[in-house]
PDB file of all heavy atoms in Angstrom:
ATOM      1  N   ASP A   1      91.270  87.959  83.128  1.00  0.00           N
ATOM      2  CA  ASP A   1      92.669  87.936  82.699  1.00  0.00           C
ATOM      3  C   ASP A   1      93.116  89.275  82.107  1.00  0.00           C
ATOM      4  O   ASP A   1      94.229  89.389  81.596  1.00  0.00           O
ATOM      5  CB  ASP A   1      92.884  86.827  81.667  1.00  0.00           C
ATOM      6  CG  ASP A   1      91.973  86.976  80.445  1.00  0.00           C
ATOM      7  OD1 ASP A   1      90.924  87.639  80.566  1.00  0.00           O
ATOM      8  OD2 ASP A   1      92.325  86.424  79.379  1.00  0.00           O
ATOM      9  N   MET A   2      92.249  90.284  82.197  1.00  0.00           N
ATOM     10  CA  MET A   2      92.562  91.590  81.625  1.00  0.00           C
ATOM     11  C   MET A   2      92.896  92.601  82.724  1.00  0.00           C
ATOM     12  O   MET A   2      92.591  92.401  83.902  1.00  0.00           O
ATOM     13  CB  MET A   2      91.366  92.103  80.814  1.00  0.00           C
ATOM     14  CG  MET A   2      90.847  91.125  79.770  1.00  0.00           C
ATOM     15  SD  MET A   2      92.044  90.777  78.476  1.00  0.00           S
ATOM     16  CE  MET A   2      91.778  92.196  77.410  1.00  0.00           C
ATOM     17  N   GLU A   3      93.527  93.709  82.309  1.00  0.00           N
ATOM     18  CA  GLU A   3      93.823  94.814  83.235  1.00  0.00           C
ATOM     19  C   GLU A   3      92.634  95.768  83.208  1.00  0.00           C
ATOM     20  O   GLU A   3      92.433  96.485  82.234  1.00  0.00           O
ATOM     21  CB  GLU A   3      95.109  95.524  82.809  1.00  0.00           C
ATOM     22  CG  GLU A   3      96.333  94.622  82.878  1.00  0.00           C
ATOM     23  CD  GLU A   3      97.589  95.302  82.364  1.00  0.00           C
ATOM     24  OE1 GLU A   3      97.495  96.087  81.399  1.00  0.00           O
ATOM     25  OE2 GLU A   3      98.662  95.049  82.927  1.00  0.00           O
ATOM     26  N   ILE A   4      91.865  95.778  84.290  1.00  0.00           N
ATOM     27  CA  ILE A   4      90.555  96.439  84.293  1.00  0.00           C
ATOM     28  C   ILE A   4      90.567  97.698  85.156  1.00  0.00           C
ATOM     29  O   ILE A   4      91.180  97.734  86.228  1.00  0.00           O
ATOM     30  CB  ILE A   4      89.469  95.463  84.808  1.00  0.00           C
ATOM     31  CG1 ILE A   4      89.373  94.246  83.883  1.00  0.00           C
ATOM     32  CG2 ILE A   4      88.120  96.157  84.926  1.00  0.00           C
ATOM     33  CD1 ILE A   4      88.468  93.154  84.398  1.00  0.00           C
ATOM     34  N   VAL A   5      89.861  98.722  84.673  1.00  0.00           N
ATOM     35  CA  VAL A   5      89.626  99.951  85.450  1.00  0.00           C
ATOM     36  C   VAL A   5      88.138 100.279  85.364  1.00  0.00           C
ATOM     37  O   VAL A   5      87.577 100.382  84.267  1.00  0.00           O
ATOM     38  CB  VAL A   5      90.452 101.141  84.899  1.00  0.00           C
ATOM     39  CG1 VAL A   5      90.127 102.415  85.678  1.00  0.00           C
ATOM     40  CG2 VAL A   5      91.935 100.833  84.981  1.00  0.00           C
ATOM     41  N   TYR A   6      87.495 100.454  86.509  1.00  0.00           N
ATOM     42  CA  TYR A   6      86.061 100.712  86.542  1.00  0.00           C
ATOM     43  C   TYR A   6      85.777 102.216  86.644  1.00  0.00           C
ATOM     44  O   TYR A   6      86.684 103.035  86.777  1.00  0.00           O
ATOM     45  CB  TYR A   6      85.419  99.975  87.721  1.00  0.00           C
ATOM     46  CG  TYR A   6      85.575  98.479  87.639  1.00  0.00           C
ATOM     47  CD1 TYR A   6      86.217  97.768  88.651  1.00  0.00           C
ATOM     48  CD2 TYR A   6      85.087  97.765  86.543  1.00  0.00           C
ATOM     49  CE1 TYR A   6      86.361  96.391  88.573  1.00  0.00           C
ATOM     50  CE2 TYR A   6      85.229  96.387  86.458  1.00  0.00           C
ATOM     51  CZ  TYR A   6      85.870  95.701  87.474  1.00  0.00           C
ATOM     52  OH  TYR A   6      86.020  94.346  87.390  1.00  0.00           O
ATOM     53  N   GLY A   7      84.488 102.556  86.607  1.00  0.00           N
ATOM     54  CA  GLY A   7      84.075 103.945  86.692  1.00  0.00           C
ATOM     55  C   GLY A   7      84.376 104.544  88.054  1.00  0.00           C
ATOM     56  O   GLY A   7      84.570 103.837  89.042  1.00  0.00           O
ATOM     57  N   ASP A   8      84.395 105.885  88.094  1.00  0.00           N
ATOM     58  CA  ASP A   8      84.780 106.579  89.327  1.00  0.00           C
ATOM     59  C   ASP A   8      84.045 107.917  89.397  1.00  0.00           C
ATOM     60  O   ASP A   8      83.858 108.581  88.377  1.00  0.00           O
ATOM     61  CB  ASP A   8      86.298 106.829  89.323  1.00  0.00           C
ATOM     62  CG  ASP A   8      86.760 107.636  90.514  1.00  0.00           C
ATOM     63  OD1 ASP A   8      86.664 107.120  91.651  1.00  0.00           O
ATOM     64  OD2 ASP A   8      87.230 108.779  90.323  1.00  0.00           O
ATOM     65  N   GLY A   9      83.627 108.295  90.609  1.00  0.00           N
ATOM     66  CA  GLY A   9      83.003 109.598  90.791  1.00  0.00           C
ATOM     67  C   GLY A   9      81.678 109.517  91.501  1.00  0.00           C
ATOM     68  O   GLY A   9      81.405 108.564  92.254  1.00  0.00           O
ATOM     69  N   ASN A  10      80.836 110.527  91.270  1.00  0.00           N
ATOM     70  CA  ASN A  10      79.546 110.651  91.933  1.00  0.00           C
ATOM     71  C   ASN A  10      78.437 110.101  91.030  1.00  0.00           C
ATOM     72  O   ASN A  10      78.113 110.719  90.012  1.00  0.00           O
ATOM     73  CB  ASN A  10      79.275 112.125  92.254  1.00  0.00           C
ATOM     74  CG  ASN A  10      77.922 112.337  92.918  1.00  0.00           C
ATOM     75  OD1 ASN A  10      77.209 111.386  93.234  1.00  0.00           O
ATOM     76  ND2 ASN A  10      77.568 113.592  93.137  1.00  0.00           N
ATOM     77  N   PRO A  11      77.837 108.966  91.379  1.00  0.00           N
ATOM     78  CA  PRO A  11      76.812 108.379  90.516  1.00  0.00           C
ATOM     79  C   PRO A  11      75.530 109.193  90.427  1.00  0.00           C
ATOM     80  O   PRO A  11      74.700 108.947  89.554  1.00  0.00           O
ATOM     81  CB  PRO A  11      76.554 107.007  91.155  1.00  0.00           C
ATOM     82  CG  PRO A  11      77.006 107.134  92.562  1.00  0.00           C
ATOM     83  CD  PRO A  11      78.125 108.124  92.550  1.00  0.00           C
ATOM     84  N   ASP A  12      75.359 110.178  91.304  1.00  0.00           N
ATOM     85  CA  ASP A  12      74.154 111.013  91.288  1.00  0.00           C
ATOM     86  C   ASP A  12      74.378 112.369  90.636  1.00  0.00           C
ATOM     87  O   ASP A  12      73.515 113.239  90.707  1.00  0.00           O
ATOM     88  CB  ASP A  12      73.638 111.233  92.721  1.00  0.00           C
ATOM     89  CG  ASP A  12      72.873 110.033  93.231  1.00  0.00           C
ATOM     90  OD1 ASP A  12      72.243 109.338  92.421  1.00  0.00           O
ATOM     91  OD2 ASP A  12      72.916 109.781  94.450  1.00  0.00           O
ATOM     92  N   SER A  13      75.515 112.573  89.990  1.00  0.00           N
ATOM     93  CA  SER A  13      75.855 113.907  89.495  1.00  0.00           C
ATOM     94  C   SER A  13      74.981 114.363  88.335  1.00  0.00           C
ATOM     95  O   SER A  13      74.784 115.544  88.127  1.00  0.00           O
ATOM     96  CB  SER A  13      77.317 113.938  89.050  1.00  0.00           C
ATOM     97  OG  SER A  13      77.480 113.226  87.847  1.00  0.00           O
ATOM     98  N   GLY A  14      74.480 113.421  87.552  1.00  0.00           N
ATOM     99  CA  GLY A  14      73.711 113.786  86.357  1.00  0.00           C
ATOM    100  C   GLY A  14      74.570 113.971  85.129  1.00  0.00           C
ATOM    101  O   GLY A  14      74.064 114.226  84.036  1.00  0.00           O
ATOM    102  N   ILE A  15      75.892 113.870  85.282  1.00  0.00           N
ATOM    103  CA  ILE A  15      76.817 114.036  84.162  1.00  0.00           C
ATOM    104  C   ILE A  15      77.769 112.848  84.120  1.00  0.00           C
ATOM    105  O   ILE A  15      78.432 112.546  85.109  1.00  0.00           O
ATOM    106  CB  ILE A  15      77.646 115.329  84.294  1.00  0.00           C
ATOM    107  CG1 ILE A  15      76.743 116.537  84.509  1.00  0.00           C
ATOM    108  CG2 ILE A  15      78.527 115.536  83.066  1.00  0.00           C
ATOM    109  CD1 ILE A  15      77.490 117.770  84.978  1.00  0.00           C
ATOM    110  N   VAL A  16      77.835 112.188  82.977  1.00  0.00           N
ATOM    111  CA  VAL A  16      78.749 111.056  82.814  1.00  0.00           C
ATOM    112  C   VAL A  16      79.657 111.311  81.612  1.00  0.00           C
ATOM    113  O   VAL A  16      79.175 111.600  80.508  1.00  0.00           O
ATOM    114  CB  VAL A  16      77.986 109.729  82.613  1.00  0.00           C
ATOM    115  CG1 VAL A  16      78.958 108.603  82.271  1.00  0.00           C
ATOM    116  CG2 VAL A  16      77.199 109.364  83.865  1.00  0.00           C
ATOM    117  N   PHE A  17      80.956 111.233  81.837  1.00  0.00           N
ATOM    118  CA  PHE A  17      81.940 111.271  80.762  1.00  0.00           C
ATOM    119  C   PHE A  17      82.367 109.839  80.463  1.00  0.00           C
ATOM    120  O   PHE A  17      82.679 109.077  81.382  1.00  0.00           O
ATOM    121  CB  PHE A  17      83.167 112.092  81.176  1.00  0.00           C
ATOM    122  CG  PHE A  17      82.935 113.571  81.211  1.00  0.00           C
ATOM    123  CD1 PHE A  17      82.355 114.171  82.318  1.00  0.00           C
ATOM    124  CD2 PHE A  17      83.303 114.374  80.141  1.00  0.00           C
ATOM    125  CE1 PHE A  17      82.144 115.543  82.362  1.00  0.00           C
ATOM    126  CE2 PHE A  17      83.094 115.745  80.172  1.00  0.00           C
ATOM    127  CZ  PHE A  17      82.508 116.335  81.288  1.00  0.00           C
ATOM    128  N   ILE A  18      82.375 109.482  79.183  1.00  0.00           N
ATOM    129  CA  ILE A  18      82.764 108.129  78.787  1.00  0.00           C
ATOM    130  C   ILE A  18      83.984 108.199  77.887  1.00  0.00           C
ATOM    131  O   ILE A  18      83.932 108.755  76.784  1.00  0.00           O
ATOM    132  CB  ILE A  18      81.632 107.396  78.042  1.00  0.00           C
ATOM    133  CG1 ILE A  18      80.323 107.458  78.837  1.00  0.00           C
ATOM    134  CG2 ILE A  18      82.030 105.942  77.795  1.00  0.00           C
ATOM    135  CD1 ILE A  18      79.142 106.836  78.096  1.00  0.00           C
ATOM    136  N   GLY A  19      85.086 107.649  78.367  1.00  0.00           N
ATOM    137  CA  GLY A  19      86.301 107.588  77.576  1.00  0.00           C
ATOM    138  C   GLY A  19      86.365 106.311  76.755  1.00  0.00           C
ATOM    139  O   GLY A  19      85.389 105.561  76.658  1.00  0.00           O
ATOM    140  N   GLU A  20      87.518 106.078  76.168  1.00  0.00           N
ATOM    141  CA  GLU A  20      87.663 104.932  75.274  1.00  0.00           C
ATOM    142  C   GLU A  20      88.048 103.671  76.032  1.00  0.00           C
ATOM    143  O   GLU A  20      87.285 102.705  76.094  1.00  0.00           O
ATOM    144  CB  GLU A  20      88.695 105.266  74.188  1.00  0.00           C
ATOM    145  CG  GLU A  20      88.240 106.437  73.317  1.00  0.00           C
ATOM    146  CD  GLU A  20      89.136 106.669  72.111  1.00  0.00           C
ATOM    147  OE1 GLU A  20      90.288 106.157  72.101  1.00  0.00           O
ATOM    148  OE2 GLU A  20      88.684 107.337  71.169  1.00  0.00           O
ATOM    149  N   ALA A  21      89.243 103.651  76.631  1.00  0.00           N
ATOM    150  CA  ALA A  21      89.731 102.488  77.370  1.00  0.00           C
ATOM    151  C   ALA A  21      90.882 102.944  78.261  1.00  0.00           C
ATOM    152  O   ALA A  21      91.553 103.934  77.956  1.00  0.00           O
ATOM    153  CB  ALA A  21      90.197 101.398  76.418  1.00  0.00           C
ATOM    154  N   PRO A  22      91.125 102.243  79.356  1.00  0.00           N
ATOM    155  CA  PRO A  22      92.242 102.641  80.223  1.00  0.00           C
ATOM    156  C   PRO A  22      93.593 102.371  79.581  1.00  0.00           C
ATOM    157  O   PRO A  22      93.741 101.436  78.786  1.00  0.00           O
ATOM    158  CB  PRO A  22      92.046 101.759  81.475  1.00  0.00           C
ATOM    159  CG  PRO A  22      91.289 100.569  80.983  1.00  0.00           C
ATOM    160  CD  PRO A  22      90.401 101.080  79.877  1.00  0.00           C
ATOM    161  N   GLY A  23      94.561 103.209  79.923  1.00  0.00           N
ATOM    162  CA  GLY A  23      95.934 103.009  79.487  1.00  0.00           C
ATOM    163  C   GLY A  23      96.799 102.575  80.654  1.00  0.00           C
ATOM    164  O   GLY A  23      96.289 102.210  81.722  1.00  0.00           O
ATOM    165  N   LYS A  24      98.099 102.651  80.463  1.00  0.00           N
ATOM    166  CA  LYS A  24      99.045 102.199  81.490  1.00  0.00           C
ATOM    167  C   LYS A  24      98.873 102.964  82.798  1.00  0.00           C
ATOM    168  O   LYS A  24      98.843 102.366  83.884  1.00  0.00           O
ATOM    169  CB  LYS A  24     100.478 102.375  80.965  1.00  0.00           C
ATOM    170  CG  LYS A  24     101.562 101.960  81.953  1.00  0.00           C
ATOM    171  CD  LYS A  24     102.943 102.142  81.348  1.00  0.00           C
ATOM    172  CE  LYS A  24     103.255 103.613  81.098  1.00  0.00           C
ATOM    173  NZ  LYS A  24     104.655 103.817  80.626  1.00  0.00           N
ATOM    174  N   ASP A  25      98.742 104.296  82.706  1.00  0.00           N
ATOM    175  CA  ASP A  25      98.612 105.105  83.922  1.00  0.00           C
ATOM    176  C   ASP A  25      97.318 104.801  84.659  1.00  0.00           C
ATOM    177  O   ASP A  25      97.286 104.752  85.897  1.00  0.00           O
ATOM    178  CB  ASP A  25      98.672 106.598  83.579  1.00  0.00           C
ATOM    179  CG  ASP A  25     100.035 107.021  83.065  1.00  0.00           C
ATOM    180  OD1 ASP A  25     101.032 106.352  83.403  1.00  0.00           O
ATOM    181  OD2 ASP A  25     100.098 108.009  82.319  1.00  0.00           O
ATOM    182  N   GLU A  26      96.226 104.627  83.907  1.00  0.00           N
ATOM    183  CA  GLU A  26      94.927 104.333  84.519  1.00  0.00           C
ATOM    184  C   GLU A  26      94.957 102.994  85.237  1.00  0.00           C
ATOM    185  O   GLU A  26      94.415 102.848  86.341  1.00  0.00           O
ATOM    186  CB  GLU A  26      93.826 104.334  83.454  1.00  0.00           C
ATOM    187  CG  GLU A  26      93.407 105.716  82.972  1.00  0.00           C
ATOM    188  CD  GLU A  26      94.392 106.339  82.011  1.00  0.00           C
ATOM    189  OE1 GLU A  26      95.281 105.615  81.494  1.00  0.00           O
ATOM    190  OE2 GLU A  26      94.317 107.554  81.777  1.00  0.00           O
ATOM    191  N   VAL A  27      95.592 102.007  84.604  1.00  0.00           N
ATOM    192  CA  VAL A  27      95.697 100.680  85.236  1.00  0.00           C
ATOM    193  C   VAL A  27      96.506 100.764  86.526  1.00  0.00           C
ATOM    194  O   VAL A  27      96.150 100.156  87.546  1.00  0.00           O
ATOM    195  CB  VAL A  27      96.339  99.676  84.257  1.00  0.00           C
ATOM    196  CG1 VAL A  27      96.712  98.383  84.973  1.00  0.00           C
ATOM    197  CG2 VAL A  27      95.386  99.378  83.106  1.00  0.00           C
ATOM    198  N   LYS A  28      97.569 101.547  86.492  1.00  0.00           N
ATOM    199  CA  LYS A  28      98.432 101.682  87.671  1.00  0.00           C
ATOM    200  C   LYS A  28      97.694 102.311  88.844  1.00  0.00           C
ATOM    201  O   LYS A  28      97.804 101.859  89.987  1.00  0.00           O
ATOM    202  CB  LYS A  28      99.663 102.525  87.319  1.00  0.00           C
ATOM    203  CG  LYS A  28     100.643 102.695  88.461  1.00  0.00           C
ATOM    204  CD  LYS A  28     101.853 103.512  88.008  1.00  0.00           C
ATOM    205  CE  LYS A  28     102.844 103.696  89.156  1.00  0.00           C
ATOM    206  NZ  LYS A  28     104.026 104.493  88.729  1.00  0.00           N
ATOM    207  N   LEU A  29      96.883 103.356  88.560  1.00  0.00           N
ATOM    208  CA  LEU A  29      96.191 104.089  89.619  1.00  0.00           C
ATOM    209  C   LEU A  29      94.764 103.606  89.845  1.00  0.00           C
ATOM    210  O   LEU A  29      94.089 104.076  90.768  1.00  0.00           O
ATOM    211  CB  LEU A  29      96.173 105.585  89.292  1.00  0.00           C
ATOM    212  CG  LEU A  29      97.546 106.257  89.236  1.00  0.00           C
ATOM    213  CD1 LEU A  29      97.410 107.720  88.833  1.00  0.00           C
ATOM    214  CD2 LEU A  29      98.264 106.141  90.574  1.00  0.00           C
ATOM    215  N   LYS A  30      94.290 102.685  88.964  1.00  0.00           N
ATOM    216  CA  LYS A  30      92.934 102.136  89.074  1.00  0.00           C
ATOM    217  C   LYS A  30      91.867 103.224  88.995  1.00  0.00           C
ATOM    218  O   LYS A  30      90.837 103.156  89.660  1.00  0.00           O
ATOM    219  CB  LYS A  30      92.773 101.338  90.376  1.00  0.00           C
ATOM    220  CG  LYS A  30      93.613 100.082  90.433  1.00  0.00           C
ATOM    221  CD  LYS A  30      93.201  99.091  89.367  1.00  0.00           C
ATOM    222  CE  LYS A  30      94.001  97.804  89.420  1.00  0.00           C
ATOM    223  NZ  LYS A  30      93.653  96.887  88.298  1.00  0.00           N
ATOM    224  N   LYS A  31      92.133 104.239  88.154  1.00  0.00           N
ATOM    225  CA  LYS A  31      91.169 105.319  87.937  1.00  0.00           C
ATOM    226  C   LYS A  31      91.156 105.693  86.463  1.00  0.00           C
ATOM    227  O   LYS A  31      92.223 105.750  85.831  1.00  0.00           O
ATOM    228  CB  LYS A  31      91.526 106.556  88.766  1.00  0.00           C
ATOM    229  CG  LYS A  31      91.067 106.516  90.201  1.00  0.00           C
ATOM    230  CD  LYS A  31      91.236 107.875  90.847  1.00  0.00           C
ATOM    231  CE  LYS A  31      90.641 107.893  92.251  1.00  0.00           C
ATOM    232  NZ  LYS A  31      90.700 109.242  92.840  1.00  0.00           N
ATOM    233  N   PRO A  32      89.971 105.984  85.914  1.00  0.00           N
ATOM    234  CA  PRO A  32      89.924 106.427  84.515  1.00  0.00           C
ATOM    235  C   PRO A  32      90.395 107.869  84.378  1.00  0.00           C
ATOM    236  O   PRO A  32      90.235 108.679  85.286  1.00  0.00           O
ATOM    237  CB  PRO A  32      88.437 106.306  84.164  1.00  0.00           C
ATOM    238  CG  PRO A  32      87.725 106.457  85.472  1.00  0.00           C
ATOM    239  CD  PRO A  32      88.634 105.876  86.517  1.00  0.00           C
ATOM    240  N   PHE A  33      91.017 108.160  83.264  1.00  0.00           N
ATOM    241  CA  PHE A  33      91.419 109.523  82.909  1.00  0.00           C
ATOM    242  C   PHE A  33      92.367 110.159  83.917  1.00  0.00           C
ATOM    243  O   PHE A  33      92.026 111.108  84.624  1.00  0.00           O
ATOM    244  CB  PHE A  33      90.200 110.421  82.682  1.00  0.00           C
ATOM    245  CG  PHE A  33      89.715 110.366  81.268  1.00  0.00           C
ATOM    246  CD1 PHE A  33      88.798 109.416  80.885  1.00  0.00           C
ATOM    247  CD2 PHE A  33      90.206 111.236  80.316  1.00  0.00           C
ATOM    248  CE1 PHE A  33      88.364 109.316  79.578  1.00  0.00           C
ATOM    249  CE2 PHE A  33      89.790 111.155  78.999  1.00  0.00           C
ATOM    250  CZ  PHE A  33      88.865 110.200  78.618  1.00  0.00           C
ATOM    251  N   VAL A  34      93.549 109.621  83.962  1.00  0.00           N
ATOM    252  CA  VAL A  34      94.644 110.267  84.687  1.00  0.00           C
ATOM    253  C   VAL A  34      95.734 110.541  83.654  1.00  0.00           C
ATOM    254  O   VAL A  34      95.608 110.189  82.494  1.00  0.00           O
ATOM    255  CB  VAL A  34      95.161 109.378  85.838  1.00  0.00           C
ATOM    256  CG1 VAL A  34      94.092 109.191  86.893  1.00  0.00           C
ATOM    257  CG2 VAL A  34      95.628 108.017  85.329  1.00  0.00           C
ATOM    258  N   GLY A  35      96.797 111.189  84.042  1.00  0.00           N
ATOM    259  CA  GLY A  35      97.845 111.510  83.077  1.00  0.00           C
ATOM    260  C   GLY A  35      97.513 112.759  82.282  1.00  0.00           C
ATOM    261  O   GLY A  35      96.683 113.590  82.688  1.00  0.00           O
ATOM    262  N   SER A  36      98.129 112.908  81.124  1.00  0.00           N
ATOM    263  CA  SER A  36      98.023 114.148  80.348  1.00  0.00           C
ATOM    264  C   SER A  36      96.610 114.387  79.840  1.00  0.00           C
ATOM    265  O   SER A  36      96.104 115.518  79.871  1.00  0.00           O
ATOM    266  CB  SER A  36      99.004 114.125  79.174  1.00  0.00           C
ATOM    267  OG  SER A  36      98.832 112.944  78.405  1.00  0.00           O
ATOM    268  N   ALA A  37      95.939 113.346  79.351  1.00  0.00           N
ATOM    269  CA  ALA A  37      94.558 113.514  78.880  1.00  0.00           C
ATOM    270  C   ALA A  37      93.633 113.865  80.041  1.00  0.00           C
ATOM    271  O   ALA A  37      92.710 114.669  79.908  1.00  0.00           O
ATOM    272  CB  ALA A  37      94.075 112.243  78.188  1.00  0.00           C
ATOM    273  N   GLY A  38      93.896 113.268  81.180  1.00  0.00           N
ATOM    274  CA  GLY A  38      93.101 113.567  82.373  1.00  0.00           C
ATOM    275  C   GLY A  38      93.260 115.005  82.826  1.00  0.00           C
ATOM    276  O   GLY A  38      92.313 115.608  83.339  1.00  0.00           O
ATOM    277  N   LYS A  39      94.459 115.562  82.639  1.00  0.00           N
ATOM    278  CA  LYS A  39      94.688 116.958  83.033  1.00  0.00           C
ATOM    279  C   LYS A  39      93.847 117.904  82.183  1.00  0.00           C
ATOM    280  O   LYS A  39      93.287 118.882  82.704  1.00  0.00           O
ATOM    281  CB  LYS A  39      96.168 117.315  82.895  1.00  0.00           C
ATOM    282  CG  LYS A  39      96.483 118.730  83.366  1.00  0.00           C
ATOM    283  CD  LYS A  39      97.959 119.060  83.210  1.00  0.00           C
ATOM    284  CE  LYS A  39      98.262 120.442  83.780  1.00  0.00           C
ATOM    285  NZ  LYS A  39      97.449 121.519  83.161  1.00  0.00           N
ATOM    286  N   ILE A  40      93.737 117.628  80.878  1.00  0.00           N
ATOM    287  CA  ILE A  40      92.914 118.462  80.003  1.00  0.00           C
ATOM    288  C   ILE A  40      91.461 118.429  80.466  1.00  0.00           C
ATOM    289  O   ILE A  40      90.786 119.461  80.538  1.00  0.00           O
ATOM    290  CB  ILE A  40      93.031 117.986  78.544  1.00  0.00           C
ATOM    291  CG1 ILE A  40      94.454 118.210  78.034  1.00  0.00           C
ATOM    292  CG2 ILE A  40      92.034 118.723  77.650  1.00  0.00           C
ATOM    293  CD1 ILE A  40      94.742 117.604  76.680  1.00  0.00           C
ATOM    294  N   LEU A  41      90.983 117.226  80.796  1.00  0.00           N
ATOM    295  CA  LEU A  41      89.611 117.088  81.286  1.00  0.00           C
ATOM    296  C   LEU A  41      89.439 117.794  82.622  1.00  0.00           C
ATOM    297  O   LEU A  41      88.442 118.486  82.853  1.00  0.00           O
ATOM    298  CB  LEU A  41      89.252 115.612  81.419  1.00  0.00           C
ATOM    299  CG  LEU A  41      87.846 115.296  81.939  1.00  0.00           C
ATOM    300  CD1 LEU A  41      86.785 115.861  81.002  1.00  0.00           C
ATOM    301  CD2 LEU A  41      87.659 113.796  82.116  1.00  0.00           C
ATOM    302  N   ARG A  42      90.406 117.656  83.503  1.00  0.00           N
ATOM    303  CA  ARG A  42      90.332 118.278  84.823  1.00  0.00           C
ATOM    304  C   ARG A  42      90.298 119.800  84.717  1.00  0.00           C
ATOM    305  O   ARG A  42      89.545 120.472  85.438  1.00  0.00           O
ATOM    306  CB  ARG A  42      91.523 117.831  85.683  1.00  0.00           C
ATOM    307  CG  ARG A  42      91.448 118.330  87.125  1.00  0.00           C
ATOM    308  CD  ARG A  42      92.542 117.722  87.981  1.00  0.00           C
ATOM    309  NE  ARG A  42      93.877 118.143  87.555  1.00  0.00           N
ATOM    310  CZ  ARG A  42      94.773 117.348  86.976  1.00  0.00           C
ATOM    311  NH1 ARG A  42      94.463 116.091  86.718  1.00  0.00           N
ATOM    312  NH2 ARG A  42      95.969 117.813  86.646  1.00  0.00           N
ATOM    313  N   ASP A  43      91.086 120.366  83.806  1.00  0.00           N
ATOM    314  CA  ASP A  43      91.096 121.817  83.618  1.00  0.00           C
ATOM    315  C   ASP A  43      89.714 122.316  83.180  1.00  0.00           C
ATOM    316  O   ASP A  43      89.248 123.365  83.639  1.00  0.00           O
ATOM    317  CB  ASP A  43      92.143 122.213  82.576  1.00  0.00           C
ATOM    318  CG  ASP A  43      93.565 122.030  83.086  1.00  0.00           C
ATOM    319  OD1 ASP A  43      93.738 121.859  84.303  1.00  0.00           O
ATOM    320  OD2 ASP A  43      94.497 122.034  82.251  1.00  0.00           O
ATOM    321  N   PHE A  44      89.071 121.550  82.287  1.00  0.00           N
ATOM    322  CA  PHE A  44      87.730 121.933  81.852  1.00  0.00           C
ATOM    323  C   PHE A  44      86.743 121.867  83.007  1.00  0.00           C
ATOM    324  O   PHE A  44      85.926 122.782  83.202  1.00  0.00           O
ATOM    325  CB  PHE A  44      87.249 121.023  80.722  1.00  0.00           C
ATOM    326  CG  PHE A  44      85.750 121.087  80.520  1.00  0.00           C
ATOM    327  CD1 PHE A  44      85.151 122.223  79.998  1.00  0.00           C
ATOM    328  CD2 PHE A  44      84.934 120.034  80.911  1.00  0.00           C
ATOM    329  CE1 PHE A  44      83.775 122.293  79.843  1.00  0.00           C
ATOM    330  CE2 PHE A  44      83.563 120.092  80.759  1.00  0.00           C
ATOM    331  CZ  PHE A  44      82.975 121.233  80.215  1.00  0.00           C
TER     332      PHE A  44
END
């Protein structure tokens, strides 16, 4: 009954980033870390 977003990316990369919880944008796109916070992470 919840709005769920699962992990995304390469499971063999050796690097995992763990965020807090999905927001409205993440639920809409079904991906973690999109929107303004995702841009900061993407730039890094």
